[in-house]
Amino acid sequence: MSTPKPPMGSPCNGCGACCLAETCAIGTDLLGYASPCPALETDDGRYWCGLVRHPSKYLASHFPEADRRALDEFLGGMIEQALGVGRGCDSDDDA
């Protein structure tokens, strides 16, 4: 983790503490249990959820004939909303 974790409730800074510590329920259901999350991505020193950014990369076998761009827009948005992306850090400060 290159960026220090912000206090719980503060805006996300992409530190990755939550996904490095434990795979979320959506990631576990879709990708199986693994820690850190297999969809955890880094870009320019920041962590991102790959299931939000481009789920087709991780779920291609589930949707072999799907339009990848449409799948990314539709599922990515749903996963983003379900995870509460943008609502602030939800990783316990003691984690």
N, C-alpha and C. Protein backbone atom coordinates (compact mmCIF):
# COMPACT_ATOMS: atom_id res chain seq x y z
N MET A 1 0.86 -1.17 0.00
CA MET A 1 0.00 0.00 0.00
C MET A 1 0.90 1.23 0.00
N SER A 2 0.83 2.01 -1.07
CA SER A 2 1.71 3.16 -1.19
C SER A 2 1.12 4.43 -0.59
N THR A 3 -0.19 4.54 -0.54
CA THR A 3 -0.86 5.72 -0.01
C THR A 3 -1.45 5.38 1.35
N PRO A 4 -1.23 6.22 2.36
CA PRO A 4 -1.80 5.91 3.68
C PRO A 4 -3.33 5.89 3.66
N LYS A 5 -3.92 4.98 4.42
CA LYS A 5 -5.37 4.88 4.50
C LYS A 5 -5.95 6.11 5.17
N PRO A 6 -6.99 6.70 4.57
CA PRO A 6 -7.63 7.85 5.21
C PRO A 6 -8.51 7.39 6.38
N PRO A 7 -8.88 8.29 7.26
CA PRO A 7 -9.80 7.92 8.34
C PRO A 7 -11.13 7.43 7.76
N MET A 8 -11.74 6.49 8.47
CA MET A 8 -13.03 5.96 8.04
C MET A 8 -14.02 7.10 7.82
N GLY A 9 -14.74 7.07 6.71
CA GLY A 9 -15.72 8.10 6.36
C GLY A 9 -15.15 9.21 5.50
N SER A 10 -13.82 9.31 5.43
CA SER A 10 -13.19 10.31 4.58
C SER A 10 -13.27 9.88 3.12
N PRO A 11 -13.09 10.81 2.19
CA PRO A 11 -13.09 10.42 0.78
C PRO A 11 -12.03 9.36 0.48
N CYS A 12 -12.36 8.46 -0.41
CA CYS A 12 -11.43 7.41 -0.82
C CYS A 12 -10.24 8.05 -1.53
N ASN A 13 -9.04 7.58 -1.20
CA ASN A 13 -7.85 8.07 -1.88
C ASN A 13 -7.17 6.96 -2.69
N GLY A 14 -7.82 5.82 -2.79
CA GLY A 14 -7.27 4.72 -3.57
C GLY A 14 -6.14 3.98 -2.89
N CYS A 15 -6.12 3.98 -1.57
CA CYS A 15 -5.03 3.31 -0.84
C CYS A 15 -5.08 1.80 -0.98
N GLY A 16 -6.28 1.24 -1.20
CA GLY A 16 -6.43 -0.20 -1.39
C GLY A 16 -6.56 -1.02 -0.13
N ALA A 17 -6.55 -0.38 1.04
CA ALA A 17 -6.58 -1.12 2.31
C ALA A 17 -7.76 -2.09 2.38
N CYS A 18 -8.92 -1.67 1.94
CA CYS A 18 -10.11 -2.51 2.05
C CYS A 18 -9.98 -3.77 1.19
N CYS A 19 -9.56 -3.61 -0.06
CA CYS A 19 -9.49 -4.75 -0.99
C CYS A 19 -8.26 -5.61 -0.76
N LEU A 20 -7.22 -5.04 -0.19
CA LEU A 20 -6.04 -5.83 0.15
C LEU A 20 -6.32 -6.72 1.36
N ALA A 21 -7.12 -6.21 2.27
CA ALA A 21 -7.42 -6.95 3.50
C ALA A 21 -8.46 -8.05 3.28
N GLU A 22 -9.46 -7.77 2.46
CA GLU A 22 -10.56 -8.71 2.32
C GLU A 22 -11.30 -8.46 1.00
N THR A 23 -11.64 -9.52 0.32
CA THR A 23 -12.43 -9.40 -0.90
C THR A 23 -13.88 -9.15 -0.51
N CYS A 24 -14.51 -8.18 -1.17
CA CYS A 24 -15.90 -7.85 -0.86
C CYS A 24 -16.82 -9.01 -1.25
N ALA A 25 -18.05 -8.94 -0.81
CA ALA A 25 -19.03 -10.00 -1.09
C ALA A 25 -19.29 -10.14 -2.59
N ILE A 26 -19.29 -9.05 -3.32
CA ILE A 26 -19.51 -9.11 -4.77
C ILE A 26 -18.34 -9.83 -5.43
N GLY A 27 -17.13 -9.47 -5.06
CA GLY A 27 -15.95 -10.12 -5.61
C GLY A 27 -15.91 -11.60 -5.27
N THR A 28 -16.28 -11.94 -4.05
CA THR A 28 -16.30 -13.34 -3.63
C THR A 28 -17.34 -14.11 -4.43
N ASP A 29 -18.53 -13.55 -4.58
CA ASP A 29 -19.60 -14.23 -5.33
C ASP A 29 -19.22 -14.42 -6.79
N LEU A 30 -18.63 -13.42 -7.40
CA LEU A 30 -18.33 -13.48 -8.83
C LEU A 30 -17.01 -14.16 -9.16
N LEU A 31 -16.01 -14.01 -8.29
CA LEU A 31 -14.67 -14.48 -8.61
C LEU A 31 -14.17 -15.58 -7.70
N GLY A 32 -14.92 -15.89 -6.65
CA GLY A 32 -14.46 -16.85 -5.67
C GLY A 32 -13.64 -16.14 -4.61
N TYR A 33 -13.46 -16.79 -3.49
CA TYR A 33 -12.75 -16.14 -2.39
C TYR A 33 -11.26 -16.08 -2.66
N ALA A 34 -10.70 -14.94 -2.50
CA ALA A 34 -9.26 -14.73 -2.58
C ALA A 34 -8.96 -13.41 -1.90
N SER A 35 -7.81 -13.32 -1.30
CA SER A 35 -7.39 -12.08 -0.68
C SER A 35 -5.91 -11.90 -0.94
N PRO A 36 -5.48 -10.82 -1.53
CA PRO A 36 -6.31 -9.67 -1.92
C PRO A 36 -7.23 -10.02 -3.09
N CYS A 37 -8.17 -9.17 -3.32
CA CYS A 37 -9.15 -9.38 -4.38
C CYS A 37 -8.46 -9.55 -5.73
N PRO A 38 -8.86 -10.57 -6.49
CA PRO A 38 -8.25 -10.78 -7.80
C PRO A 38 -8.58 -9.69 -8.82
N ALA A 39 -9.59 -8.87 -8.55
CA ALA A 39 -9.93 -7.77 -9.45
C ALA A 39 -9.31 -6.45 -9.02
N LEU A 40 -8.48 -6.47 -7.99
CA LEU A 40 -7.83 -5.25 -7.52
C LEU A 40 -6.77 -4.83 -8.54
N GLU A 41 -6.87 -3.62 -9.02
CA GLU A 41 -5.96 -3.10 -10.04
C GLU A 41 -5.22 -1.89 -9.49
N THR A 42 -4.04 -1.67 -10.02
CA THR A 42 -3.30 -0.45 -9.69
C THR A 42 -3.05 0.32 -10.97
N ASP A 43 -3.09 1.61 -10.84
CA ASP A 43 -2.84 2.49 -11.97
C ASP A 43 -2.26 3.79 -11.41
N ASP A 44 -1.04 4.07 -11.77
CA ASP A 44 -0.37 5.30 -11.35
C ASP A 44 -0.36 5.46 -9.83
N GLY A 45 -0.08 4.35 -9.12
CA GLY A 45 0.04 4.39 -7.67
C GLY A 45 -1.27 4.37 -6.91
N ARG A 46 -2.38 4.19 -7.60
CA ARG A 46 -3.69 4.19 -6.96
C ARG A 46 -4.35 2.84 -7.22
N TYR A 47 -5.09 2.33 -6.25
CA TYR A 47 -5.84 1.09 -6.41
C TYR A 47 -7.25 1.39 -6.94
N TRP A 48 -7.74 0.48 -7.76
CA TRP A 48 -9.07 0.60 -8.35
C TRP A 48 -9.75 -0.76 -8.33
N CYS A 49 -11.07 -0.77 -8.34
CA CYS A 49 -11.84 -2.00 -8.45
C CYS A 49 -12.01 -2.34 -9.93
N GLY A 50 -11.43 -3.46 -10.35
CA GLY A 50 -11.55 -3.89 -11.73
C GLY A 50 -12.96 -4.29 -12.11
N LEU A 51 -13.76 -4.73 -11.13
CA LEU A 51 -15.15 -5.08 -11.42
C LEU A 51 -15.98 -3.84 -11.72
N VAL A 52 -15.54 -2.69 -11.26
CA VAL A 52 -16.21 -1.43 -11.59
C VAL A 52 -15.65 -0.88 -12.90
N ARG A 53 -14.34 -0.90 -13.06
CA ARG A 53 -13.71 -0.31 -14.24
C ARG A 53 -14.01 -1.06 -15.53
N HIS A 54 -13.85 -2.35 -15.54
CA HIS A 54 -14.15 -3.17 -16.74
C HIS A 54 -14.41 -4.61 -16.33
N PRO A 55 -15.64 -4.86 -15.88
CA PRO A 55 -15.99 -6.19 -15.42
C PRO A 55 -15.85 -7.27 -16.50
N SER A 56 -15.94 -6.90 -17.75
CA SER A 56 -15.83 -7.92 -18.81
C SER A 56 -14.48 -8.63 -18.79
N LYS A 57 -13.47 -7.97 -18.30
CA LYS A 57 -12.14 -8.59 -18.18
C LYS A 57 -12.18 -9.76 -17.21
N TYR A 58 -12.97 -9.65 -16.17
CA TYR A 58 -13.02 -10.66 -15.12
C TYR A 58 -14.18 -11.63 -15.29
N LEU A 59 -15.19 -11.25 -16.06
CA LEU A 59 -16.39 -12.07 -16.17
C LEU A 59 -16.64 -12.57 -17.59
N ALA A 60 -15.64 -12.52 -18.44
CA ALA A 60 -15.79 -12.90 -19.84
C ALA A 60 -16.36 -14.31 -20.00
N SER A 61 -15.96 -15.24 -19.15
CA SER A 61 -16.44 -16.62 -19.30
C SER A 61 -17.93 -16.73 -18.96
N HIS A 62 -18.46 -15.78 -18.19
CA HIS A 62 -19.88 -15.80 -17.85
C HIS A 62 -20.74 -15.21 -18.97
N PHE A 63 -20.14 -14.37 -19.80
CA PHE A 63 -20.86 -13.67 -20.86
C PHE A 63 -20.05 -13.75 -22.16
N PRO A 64 -19.89 -14.96 -22.73
CA PRO A 64 -18.98 -15.12 -23.88
C PRO A 64 -19.40 -14.36 -25.13
N GLU A 65 -20.68 -14.13 -25.32
CA GLU A 65 -21.15 -13.46 -26.53
C GLU A 65 -21.50 -11.99 -26.30
N ALA A 66 -21.27 -11.49 -25.13
CA ALA A 66 -21.70 -10.14 -24.79
C ALA A 66 -20.84 -9.08 -25.46
N ASP A 67 -21.47 -7.94 -25.70
CA ASP A 67 -20.75 -6.75 -26.16
C ASP A 67 -19.97 -6.24 -24.95
N ARG A 68 -18.66 -6.33 -24.99
CA ARG A 68 -17.82 -6.00 -23.82
C ARG A 68 -18.03 -4.57 -23.33
N ARG A 69 -18.14 -3.63 -24.23
CA ARG A 69 -18.31 -2.23 -23.82
C ARG A 69 -19.65 -2.04 -23.10
N ALA A 70 -20.71 -2.61 -23.65
CA ALA A 70 -22.02 -2.50 -23.02
C ALA A 70 -22.03 -3.19 -21.67
N LEU A 71 -21.37 -4.35 -21.60
CA LEU A 71 -21.28 -5.08 -20.34
C LEU A 71 -20.54 -4.25 -19.29
N ASP A 72 -19.44 -3.63 -19.69
CA ASP A 72 -18.67 -2.80 -18.76
C ASP A 72 -19.50 -1.64 -18.24
N GLU A 73 -20.20 -0.97 -19.12
CA GLU A 73 -21.01 0.18 -18.71
C GLU A 73 -22.15 -0.25 -17.79
N PHE A 74 -22.85 -1.31 -18.17
CA PHE A 74 -24.01 -1.75 -17.39
C PHE A 74 -23.59 -2.36 -16.06
N LEU A 75 -22.78 -3.41 -16.09
CA LEU A 75 -22.39 -4.08 -14.86
C LEU A 75 -21.47 -3.22 -14.00
N GLY A 76 -20.56 -2.51 -14.62
CA GLY A 76 -19.65 -1.64 -13.87
C GLY A 76 -20.41 -0.63 -13.03
N GLY A 77 -21.42 -0.02 -13.62
CA GLY A 77 -22.24 0.95 -12.90
C GLY A 77 -23.03 0.33 -11.76
N MET A 78 -23.56 -0.88 -12.01
CA MET A 78 -24.31 -1.57 -10.96
C MET A 78 -23.40 -1.94 -9.79
N ILE A 79 -22.22 -2.45 -10.12
CA ILE A 79 -21.28 -2.85 -9.06
C ILE A 79 -20.79 -1.63 -8.30
N GLU A 80 -20.53 -0.55 -9.02
CA GLU A 80 -20.10 0.70 -8.38
C GLU A 80 -21.14 1.17 -7.37
N GLN A 81 -22.39 1.14 -7.76
CA GLN A 81 -23.47 1.56 -6.86
C GLN A 81 -23.59 0.61 -5.67
N ALA A 82 -23.53 -0.69 -5.92
CA ALA A 82 -23.68 -1.67 -4.85
C ALA A 82 -22.55 -1.57 -3.83
N LEU A 83 -21.35 -1.25 -4.29
CA LEU A 83 -20.20 -1.13 -3.38
C LEU A 83 -20.16 0.22 -2.66
N GLY A 84 -20.94 1.17 -3.13
CA GLY A 84 -20.93 2.49 -2.51
C GLY A 84 -19.70 3.30 -2.87
N VAL A 85 -19.18 3.06 -4.05
CA VAL A 85 -18.00 3.81 -4.50
C VAL A 85 -18.31 5.30 -4.47
N GLY A 86 -17.42 6.07 -3.90
CA GLY A 86 -17.59 7.51 -3.81
C GLY A 86 -18.27 7.98 -2.54
N ARG A 87 -18.69 7.05 -1.69
CA ARG A 87 -19.36 7.43 -0.44
C ARG A 87 -18.40 7.58 0.72
N GLY A 88 -17.14 7.33 0.50
CA GLY A 88 -16.16 7.50 1.56
C GLY A 88 -15.57 6.19 2.01
N CYS A 89 -14.47 6.27 2.70
CA CYS A 89 -13.74 5.10 3.19
C CYS A 89 -14.62 4.32 4.17
N ASP A 90 -14.76 3.02 3.90
CA ASP A 90 -15.53 2.18 4.82
C ASP A 90 -14.67 1.10 5.46
N SER A 91 -13.36 1.25 5.34
CA SER A 91 -12.43 0.29 5.94
C SER A 91 -12.16 0.70 7.38
N ASP A 92 -12.40 -0.23 8.28
CA ASP A 92 -12.20 0.02 9.70
C ASP A 92 -10.78 0.56 9.94
N ASP A 93 -10.64 1.59 10.74
CA ASP A 93 -9.35 2.21 11.01
C ASP A 93 -8.37 1.28 11.68
N ASP A 94 -8.86 0.23 12.33
CA ASP A 94 -7.99 -0.71 13.01
C ASP A 94 -7.59 -1.90 12.13
N ALA A 95 -8.09 -1.92 10.88
CA ALA A 95 -7.81 -3.05 9.98
C ALA A 95 -6.36 -3.08 9.58
